[in-house]
Amino acid sequence: MKVDAKNRSRRLRKKLRVDEFQELGFDVAWQFNEGITGEELDSFINKFFAEVIEPNGLGFGGEGDHLWHGLICTQKLGKCTEEHRQAVEKWLTNNGAKSASVSELYDVWWAE
């Protein structure tokens, strides 16, 4: 299906998540030092959600142990911004994550 076709009704644009219904997100990955305890890991993740994810209206879907990776997008229909990317990367770097990386923004429904 052509994502960039024109002359679509609002209903169809919404179903296809294009134009004003497009959702942008970004990938994130980071690593912890070897030897991190379960309690330290839980505390880090709880702070991550409390200090950067939830206050910015973001959602995180991912997993990990010593190496974490996942997708960050908005909790509601919308687009992540460059400021969201920078806030997440800065928080991870300033709070002890080793080798944190954040991708460029991309369309989470029509990623290539």
Protein backbone atom coordinates (compact mmCIF):
# COMPACT_ATOMS: atom_id res chain seq x y z
CA MET A 1 0.00 0.00 0.00
CA LYS A 2 1.30 3.43 -0.85
CA VAL A 3 1.77 5.37 2.36
CA ASP A 4 2.17 8.67 0.56
CA ALA A 5 -0.94 8.49 -1.65
CA LYS A 6 -3.25 11.52 -1.51
CA ASN A 7 -7.05 11.93 -1.54
CA ARG A 8 -7.70 9.81 1.52
CA SER A 9 -10.59 10.43 3.87
CA ARG A 10 -9.85 11.42 7.45
CA ARG A 11 -11.10 8.03 8.60
CA LEU A 12 -8.73 6.18 6.30
CA ARG A 13 -5.78 8.40 7.24
CA LYS A 14 -6.48 7.60 10.88
CA LYS A 15 -6.70 3.85 10.21
CA LEU A 16 -3.44 3.95 8.26
CA ARG A 17 -1.77 6.23 10.83
CA VAL A 18 -0.53 8.67 8.20
CA ASP A 19 -0.47 12.46 7.81
CA GLU A 20 -1.86 14.08 10.97
CA PHE A 21 -2.16 10.61 12.61
CA GLN A 22 1.47 9.64 12.06
CA GLU A 23 3.30 8.49 15.19
CA LEU A 24 7.01 9.07 15.61
CA GLY A 25 9.18 7.24 18.10
CA PHE A 26 12.76 6.14 18.58
CA ASP A 27 14.80 3.14 19.66
CA VAL A 28 16.91 3.20 22.77
CA ALA A 29 19.58 0.86 24.11
CA TRP A 30 21.90 0.96 27.09
CA GLN A 31 24.05 -1.30 29.17
CA PHE A 32 24.69 -1.69 32.88
CA ASN A 33 28.01 -2.52 34.50
CA GLU A 34 28.57 -6.21 35.18
CA GLY A 35 27.70 -7.11 38.73
CA ILE A 36 24.67 -4.84 39.07
CA THR A 37 22.27 -6.29 41.61
CA GLY A 38 18.59 -6.91 41.00
CA GLU A 39 17.69 -4.20 43.51
CA GLU A 40 19.93 -1.65 41.78
CA LEU A 41 18.46 -2.54 38.40
CA ASP A 42 14.89 -2.23 39.71
CA SER A 43 15.70 1.13 41.29
CA PHE A 44 17.23 2.42 38.04
CA ILE A 45 14.22 1.34 35.94
CA ASN A 46 11.76 2.83 38.46
CA LYS A 47 13.64 6.16 38.40
CA PHE A 48 13.81 6.04 34.59
CA PHE A 49 10.03 5.79 34.39
CA ALA A 50 9.35 8.27 37.20
CA GLU A 51 11.79 10.96 36.07
CA VAL A 52 11.83 10.89 32.27
CA ILE A 53 9.24 8.55 30.73
CA GLU A 54 5.99 9.37 32.55
CA PRO A 55 6.56 13.14 33.06
CA ASN A 56 7.05 13.53 29.30
CA GLY A 57 3.95 11.49 28.39
CA LEU A 58 6.09 8.75 26.87
CA GLY A 59 5.78 5.00 26.83
CA PHE A 60 8.57 2.42 26.78
CA GLY A 61 8.36 -1.11 25.44
CA GLY A 62 11.50 -3.15 25.83
CA GLU A 63 13.46 -5.65 27.83
CA GLY A 64 16.84 -6.45 29.19
CA ASP A 65 19.11 -7.62 31.93
CA HIS A 66 22.58 -6.09 31.66
CA LEU A 67 21.82 -4.90 28.14
CA TRP A 68 18.46 -3.13 27.63
CA HIS A 69 16.79 -2.15 24.37
CA GLY A 70 13.35 -0.96 23.38
CA LEU A 71 11.07 1.52 21.66
CA ILE A 72 9.94 4.84 23.06
CA CYS A 73 6.84 6.56 21.73
CA THR A 74 4.10 8.78 23.15
CA GLN A 75 1.46 7.29 25.44
CA LYS A 76 -1.28 8.96 23.41
CA LEU A 77 -1.54 9.42 19.67
CA GLY A 78 1.26 11.79 18.79
CA LYS A 79 4.86 12.30 17.87
CA CYS A 80 8.01 12.15 19.91
CA THR A 81 10.21 15.17 19.43
CA GLU A 82 13.92 15.83 19.28
CA GLU A 83 13.59 17.16 22.85
CA HIS A 84 12.23 13.76 23.98
CA ARG A 85 15.19 12.00 22.39
CA GLN A 86 17.66 14.34 24.04
CA ALA A 87 15.96 14.10 27.45
CA VAL A 88 16.07 10.29 27.41
CA GLU A 89 19.68 10.15 26.26
CA LYS A 90 20.77 12.77 28.80
CA TRP A 91 18.95 11.03 31.65
CA LEU A 92 20.48 7.65 30.82
CA THR A 93 23.97 9.12 30.52
CA ASN A 94 23.69 11.16 33.74
CA ASN A 95 22.28 8.27 35.78
CA GLY A 96 24.92 5.63 35.23
CA ALA A 97 23.87 3.81 32.07
CA LYS A 98 26.89 2.58 30.17
CA SER A 99 27.02 3.09 26.37
CA ALA A 100 23.52 4.56 25.98
CA SER A 101 22.37 5.04 22.38
CA VAL A 102 19.24 6.64 20.95
CA SER A 103 18.13 6.32 17.32
CA GLU A 104 16.76 9.04 15.09
CA LEU A 105 12.98 9.59 15.10
CA TYR A 106 11.04 7.30 12.78
CA ASP A 107 7.46 6.40 11.92
CA VAL A 108 6.63 3.56 14.32
CA TRP A 109 3.91 2.15 12.02
CA TRP A 110 5.69 2.45 8.68
CA ALA A 111 9.35 1.97 9.61
CA GLU A 112 11.56 0.87 6.76
